[in-house]
């Protein structure tokens, strides 16, 4: 392997490492925001996570349909 190729591989791996560090920092920031919202408004972290995921994915109708199906089965089994 020539020196140019080695430098290119090293640079690409370092880009991955940098992105991993950024992802970790973002995760820490998100966790802190969730804790802050929980403390300020009393919303459970799991609820905050679900709300944010629904907004990001824009799939509230799909999730609502799933819950309707689950409710039907619960009622059937109750």
N, C-alpha and C. Protein backbone atom coordinates (compact mmCIF):
# COMPACT_ATOMS: atom_id res chain seq x y z
N UNK A 1 0.85 -1.17 0.00
CA UNK A 1 0.00 0.00 0.00
C UNK A 1 0.90 1.23 0.00
N UNK A 2 0.64 2.15 -0.90
CA UNK A 2 1.50 3.33 -0.98
C UNK A 2 1.11 4.37 0.07
N UNK A 3 1.97 5.35 0.25
CA UNK A 3 1.77 6.36 1.29
C UNK A 3 0.51 7.20 1.06
N UNK A 4 0.20 7.48 -0.19
CA UNK A 4 -1.00 8.27 -0.50
C UNK A 4 -2.25 7.52 -0.05
N UNK A 5 -2.30 6.24 -0.35
CA UNK A 5 -3.46 5.42 0.04
C UNK A 5 -3.56 5.35 1.56
N UNK A 6 -2.45 5.17 2.22
CA UNK A 6 -2.45 5.12 3.69
C UNK A 6 -2.99 6.42 4.28
N UNK A 7 -2.56 7.55 3.72
CA UNK A 7 -3.03 8.85 4.22
C UNK A 7 -4.52 9.01 3.98
N UNK A 8 -5.00 8.56 2.83
CA UNK A 8 -6.42 8.65 2.52
C UNK A 8 -7.25 7.81 3.49
N UNK A 9 -6.80 6.58 3.74
CA UNK A 9 -7.51 5.70 4.67
C UNK A 9 -7.51 6.31 6.06
N UNK A 10 -6.37 6.82 6.50
CA UNK A 10 -6.28 7.44 7.81
C UNK A 10 -7.24 8.62 7.91
N UNK A 11 -7.30 9.44 6.89
CA UNK A 11 -8.19 10.61 6.90
C UNK A 11 -9.65 10.17 6.98
N UNK A 12 -10.02 9.15 6.24
CA UNK A 12 -11.41 8.66 6.26
C UNK A 12 -11.77 8.07 7.62
N UNK A 13 -10.87 7.30 8.19
CA UNK A 13 -11.11 6.73 9.52
C UNK A 13 -11.25 7.84 10.55
N UNK A 14 -10.42 8.86 10.45
CA UNK A 14 -10.50 9.98 11.37
C UNK A 14 -11.83 10.73 11.21
N UNK A 15 -12.36 10.80 10.01
CA UNK A 15 -13.68 11.41 9.80
C UNK A 15 -14.75 10.61 10.54
N UNK A 16 -14.65 9.28 10.47
CA UNK A 16 -15.60 8.42 11.18
C UNK A 16 -15.50 8.66 12.68
N UNK A 17 -14.29 8.71 13.20
CA UNK A 17 -14.08 8.94 14.63
C UNK A 17 -14.68 10.28 15.04
N UNK A 18 -14.44 11.31 14.24
CA UNK A 18 -15.00 12.63 14.55
C UNK A 18 -16.53 12.59 14.59
N UNK A 19 -17.12 11.89 13.64
CA UNK A 19 -18.58 11.77 13.62
C UNK A 19 -19.09 10.99 14.83
N UNK A 20 -18.36 9.97 15.25
CA UNK A 20 -18.75 9.21 16.44
C UNK A 20 -18.74 10.10 17.68
N UNK A 21 -17.73 10.93 17.79
CA UNK A 21 -17.63 11.85 18.92
C UNK A 21 -18.80 12.84 18.88
N UNK A 22 -19.12 13.35 17.70
CA UNK A 22 -20.25 14.27 17.56
C UNK A 22 -21.56 13.60 17.94
N UNK A 23 -21.74 12.36 17.47
CA UNK A 23 -22.96 11.62 17.78
C UNK A 23 -23.11 11.44 19.29
N UNK A 24 -22.01 11.10 19.94
CA UNK A 24 -22.04 10.92 21.39
C UNK A 24 -22.41 12.22 22.09
N UNK A 25 -21.82 13.32 21.65
CA UNK A 25 -22.11 14.62 22.25
C UNK A 25 -23.58 15.00 22.03
N UNK A 26 -24.09 14.73 20.84
CA UNK A 26 -25.50 15.00 20.57
C UNK A 26 -26.41 14.16 21.47
N UNK A 27 -26.05 12.91 21.64
CA UNK A 27 -26.83 12.03 22.52
C UNK A 27 -26.85 12.55 23.94
N UNK A 28 -25.72 13.02 24.41
CA UNK A 28 -25.65 13.58 25.76
C UNK A 28 -26.52 14.83 25.86
N UNK A 29 -26.48 15.66 24.82
CA UNK A 29 -27.29 16.87 24.82
C UNK A 29 -28.77 16.57 24.81
N UNK A 30 -29.17 15.58 24.02
CA UNK A 30 -30.57 15.17 23.96
C UNK A 30 -31.02 14.64 25.31
N UNK A 31 -30.21 13.83 25.93
CA UNK A 31 -30.55 13.28 27.25
C UNK A 31 -30.73 14.40 28.27
N UNK A 32 -29.87 15.38 28.24
CA UNK A 32 -29.98 16.49 29.18
C UNK A 32 -31.25 17.31 28.92
N UNK A 33 -31.57 17.54 27.65
CA UNK A 33 -32.81 18.26 27.33
C UNK A 33 -34.04 17.51 27.82
N UNK A 34 -34.04 16.20 27.66
CA UNK A 34 -35.16 15.38 28.14
C UNK A 34 -35.30 15.51 29.65
N UNK A 35 -34.18 15.46 30.37
CA UNK A 35 -34.22 15.60 31.83
C UNK A 35 -34.74 16.98 32.22
N UNK A 36 -34.30 18.01 31.51
CA UNK A 36 -34.75 19.37 31.80
C UNK A 36 -36.25 19.51 31.59
N UNK A 37 -36.75 18.96 30.49
CA UNK A 37 -38.18 19.02 30.20
C UNK A 37 -38.96 18.27 31.27
N UNK A 38 -38.45 17.11 31.66
CA UNK A 38 -39.12 16.32 32.71
C UNK A 38 -39.22 17.12 34.00
N UNK A 39 -38.11 17.75 34.39
CA UNK A 39 -38.09 18.52 35.63
C UNK A 39 -39.01 19.73 35.55
N UNK A 40 -38.99 20.42 34.42
CA UNK A 40 -39.76 21.66 34.31
C UNK A 40 -41.25 21.42 34.12
N UNK A 41 -41.60 20.38 33.36
CA UNK A 41 -43.01 20.19 33.00
C UNK A 41 -43.63 18.89 33.53
N UNK A 42 -42.80 18.04 34.12
CA UNK A 42 -43.32 16.80 34.68
C UNK A 42 -43.71 15.75 33.64
N UNK A 43 -43.17 15.87 32.45
CA UNK A 43 -43.47 14.90 31.40
C UNK A 43 -42.44 13.77 31.49
N UNK A 44 -42.88 12.52 31.54
CA UNK A 44 -41.93 11.41 31.61
C UNK A 44 -41.00 11.37 30.39
N UNK A 45 -39.77 10.97 30.62
CA UNK A 45 -38.78 10.92 29.54
C UNK A 45 -39.25 10.03 28.39
N UNK A 46 -39.87 8.89 28.70
CA UNK A 46 -40.34 8.01 27.64
C UNK A 46 -41.38 8.71 26.76
N UNK A 47 -42.22 9.52 27.37
CA UNK A 47 -43.23 10.27 26.63
C UNK A 47 -42.57 11.33 25.74
N UNK A 48 -41.59 12.02 26.28
CA UNK A 48 -40.85 13.03 25.52
C UNK A 48 -40.20 12.38 24.30
N UNK A 49 -39.58 11.23 24.52
CA UNK A 49 -38.93 10.51 23.43
C UNK A 49 -39.93 10.11 22.36
N UNK A 50 -41.08 9.61 22.78
CA UNK A 50 -42.11 9.18 21.82
C UNK A 50 -42.64 10.36 21.03
N UNK A 51 -42.90 11.47 21.70
CA UNK A 51 -43.39 12.67 21.01
C UNK A 51 -42.38 13.13 19.96
N UNK A 52 -41.13 13.23 20.36
CA UNK A 52 -40.09 13.68 19.43
C UNK A 52 -39.96 12.73 18.24
N UNK A 53 -40.03 11.44 18.50
CA UNK A 53 -39.93 10.45 17.42
C UNK A 53 -41.11 10.55 16.45
N UNK A 54 -42.31 10.74 17.00
CA UNK A 54 -43.48 10.88 16.14
C UNK A 54 -43.39 12.12 15.27
N UNK A 55 -42.92 13.21 15.84
CA UNK A 55 -42.79 14.44 15.06
C UNK A 55 -41.71 14.28 14.00
N UNK A 56 -40.59 13.68 14.37
CA UNK A 56 -39.49 13.50 13.41
C UNK A 56 -39.91 12.61 12.26
N UNK A 57 -40.59 11.51 12.56
CA UNK A 57 -40.97 10.55 11.53
C UNK A 57 -42.27 10.91 10.83
N UNK A 58 -43.01 11.85 11.38
CA UNK A 58 -44.28 12.28 10.80
C UNK A 58 -45.22 11.09 10.58
N UNK A 59 -45.35 10.24 11.60
CA UNK A 59 -46.17 9.03 11.45
C UNK A 59 -47.20 8.85 12.57
N UNK A 60 -47.77 9.95 13.02
CA UNK A 60 -48.76 9.87 14.10
C UNK A 60 -49.96 9.02 13.69
N UNK A 61 -50.45 9.19 12.46
CA UNK A 61 -51.59 8.40 12.02
C UNK A 61 -51.29 6.91 12.02
N UNK A 62 -50.12 6.55 11.58
CA UNK A 62 -49.70 5.14 11.57
C UNK A 62 -49.64 4.58 12.99
N UNK A 63 -49.07 5.34 13.91
CA UNK A 63 -48.98 4.91 15.30
C UNK A 63 -50.37 4.80 15.93
N UNK A 64 -51.23 5.75 15.60
CA UNK A 64 -52.58 5.72 16.13
C UNK A 64 -53.32 4.47 15.65
N UNK A 65 -53.11 4.11 14.41
CA UNK A 65 -53.74 2.90 13.87
C UNK A 65 -53.24 1.66 14.61
N UNK A 66 -51.94 1.60 14.89
CA UNK A 66 -51.39 0.48 15.64
C UNK A 66 -52.03 0.38 17.03
N UNK A 67 -52.20 1.53 17.70
CA UNK A 67 -52.79 1.53 19.03
C UNK A 67 -54.25 1.11 18.99
N UNK A 68 -54.94 1.49 17.93
CA UNK A 68 -56.34 1.06 17.80
C UNK A 68 -56.42 -0.46 17.71
N UNK A 69 -55.52 -1.05 16.95
CA UNK A 69 -55.48 -2.51 16.83
C UNK A 69 -55.16 -3.15 18.18
N UNK A 70 -54.20 -2.59 18.89
CA UNK A 70 -53.83 -3.12 20.19
C UNK A 70 -55.01 -3.03 21.15
N UNK A 71 -55.70 -1.88 21.15
CA UNK A 71 -56.87 -1.70 22.02
C UNK A 71 -57.94 -2.75 21.73
N UNK A 72 -58.15 -3.04 20.46
CA UNK A 72 -59.14 -4.06 20.09
C UNK A 72 -58.79 -5.42 20.69
N UNK A 73 -57.52 -5.79 20.61
CA UNK A 73 -57.08 -7.06 21.18
C UNK A 73 -57.19 -7.06 22.70
N UNK A 74 -56.87 -5.94 23.33
CA UNK A 74 -56.98 -5.85 24.79
C UNK A 74 -58.43 -6.01 25.20
N UNK A 75 -59.32 -5.32 24.49
CA UNK A 75 -60.75 -5.44 24.80
C UNK A 75 -61.23 -6.88 24.58
N UNK A 76 -60.75 -7.52 23.54
CA UNK A 76 -61.12 -8.90 23.25
C UNK A 76 -60.68 -9.83 24.37
N UNK A 77 -59.52 -9.59 24.92
CA UNK A 77 -58.94 -10.47 25.93
C UNK A 77 -59.34 -10.11 27.35
N UNK A 78 -60.00 -9.01 27.54
CA UNK A 78 -60.39 -8.57 28.90
C UNK A 78 -61.64 -9.23 29.37
